[in-house]
């Protein structure tokens, strides 16, 4: 199984309930695609060093997971790029 780490930022203009809903939908996508989540952590709202998409802060989330193949990672990446609620995301393969 390959280990991955995902960090992503949700825009700060959303209400707390909507932020939680967006995060839970991404976790559901990963688990539905066969990934085993080993760590799921909300890091809170943090200030950026510079503006990203005209935002000065955002809600940070960190997910560590294991997956047999990269289906779940590719689907997460696709949905994060499409989503207007995600400011930025980063996926790291911890085994390379």
PDB file of N, CA and C in Angstrom:
ATOM      1  N   UNK A   1       0.830  -1.179   0.000  1.00  0.00           N
ATOM      2  CA  UNK A   1       0.000   0.000   0.000  1.00  0.00           C
ATOM      3  C   UNK A   1       0.877   1.247   0.000  1.00  0.00           C
ATOM      4  N   UNK A   2       0.488   2.199  -0.781  1.00  0.00           N
ATOM      5  CA  UNK A   2       1.229   3.448  -0.899  1.00  0.00           C
ATOM      6  C   UNK A   2       0.661   4.470   0.083  1.00  0.00           C
ATOM      7  N   UNK A   3       1.555   5.199   0.753  1.00  0.00           N
ATOM      8  CA  UNK A   3       1.137   6.219   1.716  1.00  0.00           C
ATOM      9  C   UNK A   3       1.172   7.597   1.060  1.00  0.00           C
ATOM     10  N   UNK A   4       0.143   8.389   1.335  1.00  0.00           N
ATOM     11  CA  UNK A   4       0.030   9.745   0.794  1.00  0.00           C
ATOM     12  C   UNK A   4      -0.300  10.714   1.925  1.00  0.00           C
ATOM     13  N   UNK A   5       0.079  11.960   1.698  1.00  0.00           N
ATOM     14  CA  UNK A   5      -0.310  13.045   2.590  1.00  0.00           C
ATOM     15  C   UNK A   5      -0.962  14.125   1.737  1.00  0.00           C
ATOM     16  N   UNK A   6      -2.132  14.571   2.153  1.00  0.00           N
ATOM     17  CA  UNK A   6      -2.859  15.617   1.427  1.00  0.00           C
ATOM     18  C   UNK A   6      -3.070  16.786   2.375  1.00  0.00           C
ATOM     19  N   UNK A   7      -2.723  17.969   1.918  1.00  0.00           N
ATOM     20  CA  UNK A   7      -3.059  19.180   2.651  1.00  0.00           C
ATOM     21  C   UNK A   7      -3.828  20.081   1.697  1.00  0.00           C
ATOM     22  N   UNK A   8      -4.935  20.610   2.182  1.00  0.00           N
ATOM     23  CA  UNK A   8      -5.682  21.528   1.337  1.00  0.00           C
ATOM     24  C   UNK A   8      -6.278  22.653   2.170  1.00  0.00           C
ATOM     25  N   UNK A   9      -6.607  23.743   1.487  1.00  0.00           N
ATOM     26  CA  UNK A   9      -7.092  24.951   2.137  1.00  0.00           C
ATOM     27  C   UNK A   9      -8.463  25.289   1.568  1.00  0.00           C
ATOM     28  N   UNK A  10      -9.413  25.503   2.459  1.00  0.00           N
ATOM     29  CA  UNK A  10     -10.765  25.897   2.058  1.00  0.00           C
ATOM     30  C   UNK A  10     -10.907  27.395   2.298  1.00  0.00           C
ATOM     31  N   UNK A  11     -11.598  28.082   1.395  1.00  0.00           N
ATOM     32  CA  UNK A  11     -11.686  29.538   1.477  1.00  0.00           C
ATOM     33  C   UNK A  11     -12.366  30.002   2.762  1.00  0.00           C
ATOM     34  N   UNK A  12     -11.945  31.149   3.293  1.00  0.00           N
ATOM     35  CA  UNK A  12     -12.394  31.601   4.607  1.00  0.00           C
ATOM     36  C   UNK A  12     -13.784  32.232   4.623  1.00  0.00           C
ATOM     37  N   UNK A  13     -14.376  32.478   3.484  1.00  0.00           N
ATOM     38  CA  UNK A  13     -15.676  33.159   3.435  1.00  0.00           C
ATOM     39  C   UNK A  13     -16.844  32.218   3.709  1.00  0.00           C
ATOM     40  N   UNK A  14     -16.580  30.922   3.805  1.00  0.00           N
ATOM     41  CA  UNK A  14     -17.643  29.959   4.063  1.00  0.00           C
ATOM     42  C   UNK A  14     -17.983  29.906   5.551  1.00  0.00           C
ATOM     43  N   UNK A  15     -19.244  29.560   5.840  1.00  0.00           N
ATOM     44  CA  UNK A  15     -19.653  29.366   7.232  1.00  0.00           C
ATOM     45  C   UNK A  15     -19.034  28.066   7.751  1.00  0.00           C
ATOM     46  N   UNK A  16     -18.956  27.945   9.067  1.00  0.00           N
ATOM     47  CA  UNK A  16     -18.308  26.789   9.681  1.00  0.00           C
ATOM     48  C   UNK A  16     -18.967  25.474   9.277  1.00  0.00           C
ATOM     49  N   UNK A  17     -20.289  25.466   9.183  1.00  0.00           N
ATOM     50  CA  UNK A  17     -21.005  24.242   8.792  1.00  0.00           C
ATOM     51  C   UNK A  17     -20.669  23.845   7.359  1.00  0.00           C
ATOM     52  N   UNK A  18     -20.542  24.821   6.473  1.00  0.00           N
ATOM     53  CA  UNK A  18     -20.220  24.545   5.075  1.00  0.00           C
ATOM     54  C   UNK A  18     -18.778  24.043   4.937  1.00  0.00           C
ATOM     55  N   UNK A  19     -17.860  24.601   5.727  1.00  0.00           N
ATOM     56  CA  UNK A  19     -16.462  24.150   5.717  1.00  0.00           C
ATOM     57  C   UNK A  19     -16.400  22.683   6.127  1.00  0.00           C
ATOM     58  N   UNK A  20     -17.131  22.330   7.183  1.00  0.00           N
ATOM     59  CA  UNK A  20     -17.159  20.949   7.656  1.00  0.00           C
ATOM     60  C   UNK A  20     -17.772  20.032   6.602  1.00  0.00           C
ATOM     61  N   UNK A  21     -18.817  20.500   5.935  1.00  0.00           N
ATOM     62  CA  UNK A  21     -19.476  19.712   4.885  1.00  0.00           C
ATOM     63  C   UNK A  21     -18.533  19.444   3.710  1.00  0.00           C
ATOM     64  N   UNK A  22     -17.791  20.457   3.292  1.00  0.00           N
ATOM     65  CA  UNK A  22     -16.831  20.301   2.190  1.00  0.00           C
ATOM     66  C   UNK A  22     -15.749  19.295   2.580  1.00  0.00           C
ATOM     67  N   UNK A  23     -15.223  19.427   3.790  1.00  0.00           N
ATOM     68  CA  UNK A  23     -14.173  18.505   4.257  1.00  0.00           C
ATOM     69  C   UNK A  23     -14.695  17.064   4.302  1.00  0.00           C
ATOM     70  N   UNK A  24     -15.882  16.879   4.856  1.00  0.00           N
ATOM     71  CA  UNK A  24     -16.455  15.531   4.949  1.00  0.00           C
ATOM     72  C   UNK A  24     -16.714  14.934   3.573  1.00  0.00           C
ATOM     73  N   UNK A  25     -17.074  15.767   2.601  1.00  0.00           N
ATOM     74  CA  UNK A  25     -17.303  15.246   1.246  1.00  0.00           C
ATOM     75  C   UNK A  25     -16.002  14.755   0.621  1.00  0.00           C
ATOM     76  N   UNK A  26     -14.888  15.446   0.880  1.00  0.00           N
ATOM     77  CA  UNK A  26     -13.598  14.994   0.355  1.00  0.00           C
ATOM     78  C   UNK A  26     -13.138  13.704   1.043  1.00  0.00           C
ATOM     79  N   UNK A  27     -13.368  13.606   2.350  1.00  0.00           N
ATOM     80  CA  UNK A  27     -13.019  12.381   3.076  1.00  0.00           C
ATOM     81  C   UNK A  27     -13.843  11.214   2.539  1.00  0.00           C
ATOM     82  N   UNK A  28     -15.120  11.452   2.276  1.00  0.00           N
ATOM     83  CA  UNK A  28     -16.000  10.404   1.748  1.00  0.00           C
ATOM     84  C   UNK A  28     -15.532   9.937   0.377  1.00  0.00           C
ATOM     85  N   UNK A  29     -15.113  10.865  -0.478  1.00  0.00           N
ATOM     86  CA  UNK A  29     -14.604  10.504  -1.807  1.00  0.00           C
ATOM     87  C   UNK A  29     -13.400   9.578  -1.665  1.00  0.00           C
ATOM     88  N   UNK A  30     -12.487   9.918  -0.777  1.00  0.00           N
ATOM     89  CA  UNK A  30     -11.286   9.101  -0.583  1.00  0.00           C
ATOM     90  C   UNK A  30     -11.626   7.707  -0.079  1.00  0.00           C
ATOM     91  N   UNK A  31     -12.500   7.607   0.920  1.00  0.00           N
ATOM     92  CA  UNK A  31     -12.846   6.295   1.472  1.00  0.00           C
ATOM     93  C   UNK A  31     -13.675   5.472   0.491  1.00  0.00           C
ATOM     94  N   UNK A  32     -14.557   6.127  -0.265  1.00  0.00           N
ATOM     95  CA  UNK A  32     -15.369   5.411  -1.261  1.00  0.00           C
ATOM     96  C   UNK A  32     -14.509   4.827  -2.378  1.00  0.00           C
ATOM     97  N   UNK A  33     -13.374   5.453  -2.653  1.00  0.00           N
ATOM     98  CA  UNK A  33     -12.484   4.983  -3.715  1.00  0.00           C
ATOM     99  C   UNK A  33     -11.452   3.974  -3.183  1.00  0.00           C
ATOM    100  N   UNK A  34     -11.593   3.549  -1.938  1.00  0.00           N
ATOM    101  CA  UNK A  34     -10.754   2.478  -1.411  1.00  0.00           C
ATOM    102  C   UNK A  34      -9.561   2.911  -0.581  1.00  0.00           C
ATOM    103  N   UNK A  35      -9.450   4.178  -0.252  1.00  0.00           N
ATOM    104  CA  UNK A  35      -8.321   4.638   0.557  1.00  0.00           C
ATOM    105  C   UNK A  35      -8.603   4.400   2.037  1.00  0.00           C
ATOM    106  N   UNK A  36      -7.556   4.098   2.774  1.00  0.00           N
ATOM    107  CA  UNK A  36      -7.645   3.905   4.225  1.00  0.00           C
ATOM    108  C   UNK A  36      -7.040   5.135   4.895  1.00  0.00           C
ATOM    109  N   UNK A  37      -7.871   5.948   5.548  1.00  0.00           N
ATOM    110  CA  UNK A  37      -7.400   7.185   6.163  1.00  0.00           C
ATOM    111  C   UNK A  37      -6.788   6.872   7.524  1.00  0.00           C
ATOM    112  N   UNK A  38      -5.522   7.274   7.694  1.00  0.00           N
ATOM    113  CA  UNK A  38      -4.819   7.025   8.951  1.00  0.00           C
ATOM    114  C   UNK A  38      -4.783   8.258   9.848  1.00  0.00           C
ATOM    115  N   UNK A  39      -4.923   9.440   9.255  1.00  0.00           N
ATOM    116  CA  UNK A  39      -4.931  10.681  10.031  1.00  0.00           C
ATOM    117  C   UNK A  39      -5.830  11.684   9.319  1.00  0.00           C
ATOM    118  N   UNK A  40      -6.703  12.314  10.079  1.00  0.00           N
ATOM    119  CA  UNK A  40      -7.629  13.294   9.531  1.00  0.00           C
ATOM    120  C   UNK A  40      -7.677  14.449  10.522  1.00  0.00           C
ATOM    121  N   UNK A  41      -7.054  15.562  10.169  1.00  0.00           N
ATOM    122  CA  UNK A  41      -6.882  16.640  11.129  1.00  0.00           C
ATOM    123  C   UNK A  41      -7.272  17.990  10.535  1.00  0.00           C
ATOM    124  N   UNK A  42      -8.088  18.721  11.279  1.00  0.00           N
ATOM    125  CA  UNK A  42      -8.404  20.107  10.916  1.00  0.00           C
ATOM    126  C   UNK A  42      -7.410  20.997  11.643  1.00  0.00           C
ATOM    127  N   UNK A  43      -6.656  21.792  10.901  1.00  0.00           N
ATOM    128  CA  UNK A  43      -5.608  22.617  11.495  1.00  0.00           C
ATOM    129  C   UNK A  43      -6.073  24.036  11.812  1.00  0.00           C
ATOM    130  N   UNK A  44      -7.325  24.349  11.464  1.00  0.00           N
ATOM    131  CA  UNK A  44      -7.880  25.664  11.781  1.00  0.00           C
ATOM    132  C   UNK A  44      -7.596  26.700  10.715  1.00  0.00           C
ATOM    133  N   UNK A  45      -8.015  27.915  11.009  1.00  0.00           N
ATOM    134  CA  UNK A  45      -7.830  29.015  10.067  1.00  0.00           C
ATOM    135  C   UNK A  45      -6.475  29.665  10.318  1.00  0.00           C
ATOM    136  N   UNK A  46      -5.731  29.868   9.232  1.00  0.00           N
ATOM    137  CA  UNK A  46      -4.398  30.460   9.325  1.00  0.00           C
ATOM    138  C   UNK A  46      -4.247  31.561   8.279  1.00  0.00           C
ATOM    139  N   UNK A  47      -3.412  32.525   8.595  1.00  0.00           N
ATOM    140  CA  UNK A  47      -3.092  33.609   7.671  1.00  0.00           C
ATOM    141  C   UNK A  47      -2.090  33.118   6.633  1.00  0.00           C
ATOM    142  N   UNK A  48      -2.226  33.606   5.394  1.00  0.00           N
ATOM    143  CA  UNK A  48      -1.276  33.286   4.333  1.00  0.00           C
ATOM    144  C   UNK A  48      -0.108  34.265   4.386  1.00  0.00           C
ATOM    145  N   UNK A  49       1.020  33.858   3.862  1.00  0.00           N
ATOM    146  CA  UNK A  49       2.166  34.752   3.736  1.00  0.00           C
ATOM    147  C   UNK A  49       1.927  35.770   2.611  1.00  0.00           C
ATOM    148  N   UNK A  50       1.093  35.369   1.640  1.00  0.00           N
ATOM    149  CA  UNK A  50       0.718  36.251   0.531  1.00  0.00           C
ATOM    150  C   UNK A  50      -0.684  35.861   0.091  1.00  0.00           C
ATOM    151  N   UNK A  51      -1.342  36.741  -0.633  1.00  0.00           N
ATOM    152  CA  UNK A  51      -2.702  36.474  -1.078  1.00  0.00           C
ATOM    153  C   UNK A  51      -2.752  35.330  -2.088  1.00  0.00           C
ATOM    154  N   UNK A  52      -3.750  34.476  -1.934  1.00  0.00           N
ATOM    155  CA  UNK A  52      -4.010  33.404  -2.884  1.00  0.00           C
ATOM    156  C   UNK A  52      -5.458  33.562  -3.336  1.00  0.00           C
ATOM    157  N   UNK A  53      -5.658  33.764  -4.614  1.00  0.00           N
ATOM    158  CA  UNK A  53      -7.000  33.958  -5.178  1.00  0.00           C
ATOM    159  C   UNK A  53      -7.775  35.032  -4.413  1.00  0.00           C
ATOM    160  N   UNK A  54      -7.092  36.107  -4.058  1.00  0.00           N
ATOM    161  CA  UNK A  54      -7.631  37.271  -3.352  1.00  0.00           C
ATOM    162  C   UNK A  54      -8.057  36.994  -1.910  1.00  0.00           C
ATOM    163  N   UNK A  55      -7.600  35.875  -1.334  1.00  0.00           N
ATOM    164  CA  UNK A  55      -7.869  35.574   0.074  1.00  0.00           C
ATOM    165  C   UNK A  55      -6.588  35.753   0.869  1.00  0.00           C
ATOM    166  N   UNK A  56      -6.726  36.213   2.120  1.00  0.00           N
ATOM    167  CA  UNK A  56      -5.573  36.411   2.982  1.00  0.00           C
ATOM    168  C   UNK A  56      -5.449  35.330   4.051  1.00  0.00           C
ATOM    169  N   UNK A  57      -6.446  34.433   4.139  1.00  0.00           N
ATOM    170  CA  UNK A  57      -6.406  33.330   5.094  1.00  0.00           C
ATOM    171  C   UNK A  57      -7.259  32.188   4.564  1.00  0.00           C
ATOM    172  N   UNK A  58      -7.218  31.058   5.277  1.00  0.00           N
ATOM    173  CA  UNK A  58      -8.021  29.916   4.859  1.00  0.00           C
ATOM    174  C   UNK A  58      -8.023  28.840   5.934  1.00  0.00           C
ATOM    175  N   UNK A  59      -8.946  27.892   5.801  1.00  0.00           N
ATOM    176  CA  UNK A  59      -9.056  26.767   6.720  1.00  0.00           C
ATOM    177  C   UNK A  59      -8.213  25.610   6.196  1.00  0.00           C
ATOM    178  N   UNK A  60      -7.228  25.195   6.986  1.00  0.00           N
ATOM    179  CA  UNK A  60      -6.288  24.146   6.587  1.00  0.00           C
ATOM    180  C   UNK A  60      -6.761  22.772   7.075  1.00  0.00           C
ATOM    181  N   UNK A  61      -6.575  21.756   6.224  1.00  0.00           N
ATOM    182  CA  UNK A  61      -6.892  20.374   6.574  1.00  0.00           C
ATOM    183  C   UNK A  61      -5.746  19.472   6.134  1.00  0.00           C
ATOM    184  N   UNK A  62      -5.456  18.462   6.959  1.00  0.00           N
ATOM    185  CA  UNK A  62      -4.383  17.510   6.681  1.00  0.00           C
ATOM    186  C   UNK A  62      -4.956  16.100   6.749  1.00  0.00           C
ATOM    187  N   UNK A  63      -4.710  15.316   5.699  1.00  0.00           N
ATOM    188  CA  UNK A  63      -5.171  13.931   5.654  1.00  0.00           C
ATOM    189  C   UNK A  63      -3.987  13.049   5.272  1.00  0.00           C
ATOM    190  N   UNK A  64      -3.722  12.026   6.075  1.00  0.00           N
ATOM    191  CA  UNK A  64      -2.755  10.981   5.725  1.00  0.00           C
ATOM    192  C   UNK A  64      -3.554   9.742   5.397  1.00  0.00           C
ATOM    193  N   UNK A  65      -3.153   9.028   4.342  1.00  0.00           N
ATOM    194  CA  UNK A  65      -3.909   7.857   3.935  1.00  0.00           C
ATOM    195  C   UNK A  65      -3.021   6.828   3.277  1.00  0.00           C
ATOM    196  N   UNK A  66      -3.562   5.619   3.159  1.00  0.00           N
ATOM    197  CA  UNK A  66      -2.909   4.531   2.439  1.00  0.00           C
ATOM    198  C   UNK A  66      -3.863   4.062   1.363  1.00  0.00           C
ATOM    199  N   UNK A  67      -3.316   3.738   0.188  1.00  0.00           N
ATOM    200  CA  UNK A  67      -4.155   3.278  -0.918  1.00  0.00           C
ATOM    201  C   UNK A  67      -3.389   2.246  -1.743  1.00  0.00           C
ATOM    202  N   UNK A  68      -4.122   1.282  -2.271  1.00  0.00           N
ATOM    203  CA  UNK A  68      -3.512   0.243  -3.106  1.00  0.00           C
ATOM    204  C   UNK A  68      -3.105   0.795  -4.462  1.00  0.00           C
ATOM    205  N   UNK A  69      -3.934   1.686  -5.006  1.00  0.00           N
ATOM    206  CA  UNK A  69      -3.616   2.325  -6.286  1.00  0.00           C
ATOM    207  C   UNK A  69      -3.909   3.822  -6.159  1.00  0.00           C
ATOM    208  N   UNK A  70      -3.723   4.549  -7.241  1.00  0.00           N
ATOM    209  CA  UNK A  70      -3.877   5.990  -7.159  1.00  0.00           C
ATOM    210  C   UNK A  70      -5.246   6.493  -7.609  1.00  0.00           C
ATOM    211  N   UNK A  71      -6.246   5.618  -7.681  1.00  0.00           N
ATOM    212  CA  UNK A  71      -7.597   6.030  -8.089  1.00  0.00           C
ATOM    213  C   UNK A  71      -8.154   7.103  -7.165  1.00  0.00           C
ATOM    214  N   UNK A  72      -8.050   6.877  -5.855  1.00  0.00           N
ATOM    215  CA  UNK A  72      -8.599   7.818  -4.879  1.00  0.00           C
ATOM    216  C   UNK A  72      -7.879   9.164  -4.956  1.00  0.00           C
ATOM    217  N   UNK A  73      -6.566   9.123  -5.123  1.00  0.00           N
ATOM    218  CA  UNK A  73      -5.775  10.353  -5.199  1.00  0.00           C
ATOM    219  C   UNK A  73      -6.133  11.147  -6.453  1.00  0.00           C
ATOM    220  N   UNK A  74      -6.254  10.469  -7.575  1.00  0.00           N
ATOM    221  CA  UNK A  74      -6.602  11.152  -8.825  1.00  0.00           C
ATOM    222  C   UNK A  74      -7.991  11.770  -8.753  1.00  0.00           C
ATOM    223  N   UNK A  75      -8.936  11.067  -8.120  1.00  0.00           N
ATOM    224  CA  UNK A  75     -10.292  11.604  -7.981  1.00  0.00           C
ATOM    225  C   UNK A  75     -10.300  12.806  -7.047  1.00  0.00           C
ATOM    226  N   UNK A  76      -9.559  12.744  -5.936  1.00  0.00           N
ATOM    227  CA  UNK A  76      -9.448  13.888  -5.035  1.00  0.00           C
ATOM    228  C   UNK A  76      -8.866  15.082  -5.769  1.00  0.00           C
ATOM    229  N   UNK A  77      -7.792  14.861  -6.502  1.00  0.00           N
ATOM    230  CA  UNK A  77      -7.128  15.925  -7.247  1.00  0.00           C
ATOM    231  C   UNK A  77      -8.089  16.565  -8.247  1.00  0.00           C
ATOM    232  N   UNK A  78      -8.833  15.747  -8.958  1.00  0.00           N
ATOM    233  CA  UNK A  78      -9.790  16.245  -9.943  1.00  0.00           C
ATOM    234  C   UNK A  78     -10.862  17.113  -9.278  1.00  0.00           C
ATOM    235  N   UNK A  79     -11.424  16.617  -8.184  1.00  0.00           N
ATOM    236  CA  UNK A  79     -12.489  17.348  -7.502  1.00  0.00           C
ATOM    237  C   UNK A  79     -11.976  18.621  -6.831  1.00  0.00           C
ATOM    238  N   UNK A  80     -10.758  18.589  -6.297  1.00  0.00           N
ATOM    239  CA  UNK A  80     -10.183  19.775  -5.661  1.00  0.00           C
ATOM    240  C   UNK A  80      -9.917  20.872  -6.690  1.00  0.00           C
ATOM    241  N   UNK A  81      -9.521  20.472  -7.893  1.00  0.00           N
ATOM    242  CA  UNK A  81      -9.291  21.464  -8.951  1.00  0.00           C
ATOM    243  C   UNK A  81     -10.604  22.095  -9.426  1.00  0.00           C
ATOM    244  N   UNK A  82     -11.666  21.313  -9.435  1.00  0.00           N
ATOM    245  CA  UNK A  82     -12.969  21.801  -9.886  1.00  0.00           C
ATOM    246  C   UNK A  82     -13.643  22.666  -8.829  1.00  0.00           C
ATOM    247  N   UNK A  83     -13.490  22.301  -7.565  1.00  0.00           N
ATOM    248  CA  UNK A  83     -14.208  22.945  -6.467  1.00  0.00           C
ATOM    249  C   UNK A  83     -13.835  24.416  -6.328  1.00  0.00           C
ATOM    250  N   UNK A  84     -14.853  25.253  -6.201  1.00  0.00           N
ATOM    251  CA  UNK A  84     -14.623  26.675  -5.968  1.00  0.00           C
ATOM    252  C   UNK A  84     -14.305  26.951  -4.504  1.00  0.00           C
ATOM    253  N   UNK A  85     -14.561  25.970  -3.630  1.00  0.00           N
ATOM    254  CA  UNK A  85     -14.336  26.147  -2.199  1.00  0.00           C
ATOM    255  C   UNK A  85     -12.890  25.887  -1.799  1.00  0.00           C
ATOM    256  N   UNK A  86     -12.123  25.183  -2.630  1.00  0.00           N
ATOM    257  CA  UNK A  86     -10.727  24.872  -2.319  1.00  0.00           C
ATOM    258  C   UNK A  86      -9.821  25.933  -2.942  1.00  0.00           C
ATOM    259  N   UNK A  87      -9.035  26.578  -2.078  1.00  0.00           N
ATOM    260  CA  UNK A  87      -8.118  27.621  -2.537  1.00  0.00           C
ATOM    261  C   UNK A  87      -6.855  26.997  -3.124  1.00  0.00           C
ATOM    262  N   UNK A  88      -6.326  25.987  -2.434  1.00  0.00           N
ATOM    263  CA  UNK A  88      -5.094  25.331  -2.868  1.00  0.00           C
ATOM    264  C   UNK A  88      -5.028  23.944  -2.255  1.00  0.00           C
ATOM    265  N   UNK A  89      -4.381  23.004  -2.946  1.00  0.00           N
ATOM    266  CA  UNK A  89      -4.179  21.667  -2.374  1.00  0.00           C
ATOM    267  C   UNK A  89      -2.829  21.121  -2.809  1.00  0.00           C
ATOM    268  N   UNK A  90      -2.321  20.182  -2.007  1.00  0.00           N
ATOM    269  CA  UNK A  90      -1.028  19.563  -2.276  1.00  0.00           C
ATOM    270  C   UNK A  90      -1.113  18.095  -1.883  1.00  0.00           C
ATOM    271  N   UNK A  91      -0.669  17.218  -2.785  1.00  0.00           N
ATOM    272  CA  UNK A  91      -0.663  15.778  -2.542  1.00  0.00           C
ATOM    273  C   UNK A  91       0.787  15.300  -2.605  1.00  0.00           C
ATOM    274  N   UNK A  92       1.224  14.605  -1.560  1.00  0.00           N
ATOM    275  CA  UNK A  92       2.596  14.115  -1.485  1.00  0.00           C
ATOM    276  C   UNK A  92       2.576  12.601  -1.335  1.00  0.00           C
ATOM    277  N   UNK A  93       3.375  11.913  -2.171  1.00  0.00           N
ATOM    278  CA  UNK A  93       3.558  10.476  -2.039  1.00  0.00           C
ATOM    279  C   UNK A  93       4.684  10.279  -1.035  1.00  0.00           C
ATOM    280  N   UNK A  94       4.376   9.728   0.133  1.00  0.00           N
ATOM    281  CA  UNK A  94       5.372   9.576   1.193  1.00  0.00           C
ATOM    282  C   UNK A  94       6.342   8.429   0.963  1.00  0.00           C
ATOM    283  N   UNK A  95       6.046   7.541   0.004  1.00  0.00           N
ATOM    284  CA  UNK A  95       6.910   6.402  -0.264  1.00  0.00           C
ATOM    285  C   UNK A  95       7.976   6.682  -1.311  1.00  0.00           C
ATOM    286  N   UNK A  96       7.984   7.845  -1.915  1.00  0.00           N
ATOM    287  CA  UNK A  96       8.987   8.161  -2.942  1.00  0.00           C
ATOM    288  C   UNK A  96      10.032   9.073  -2.400  1.00  0.00           C
TER     289      UNK A  96
END
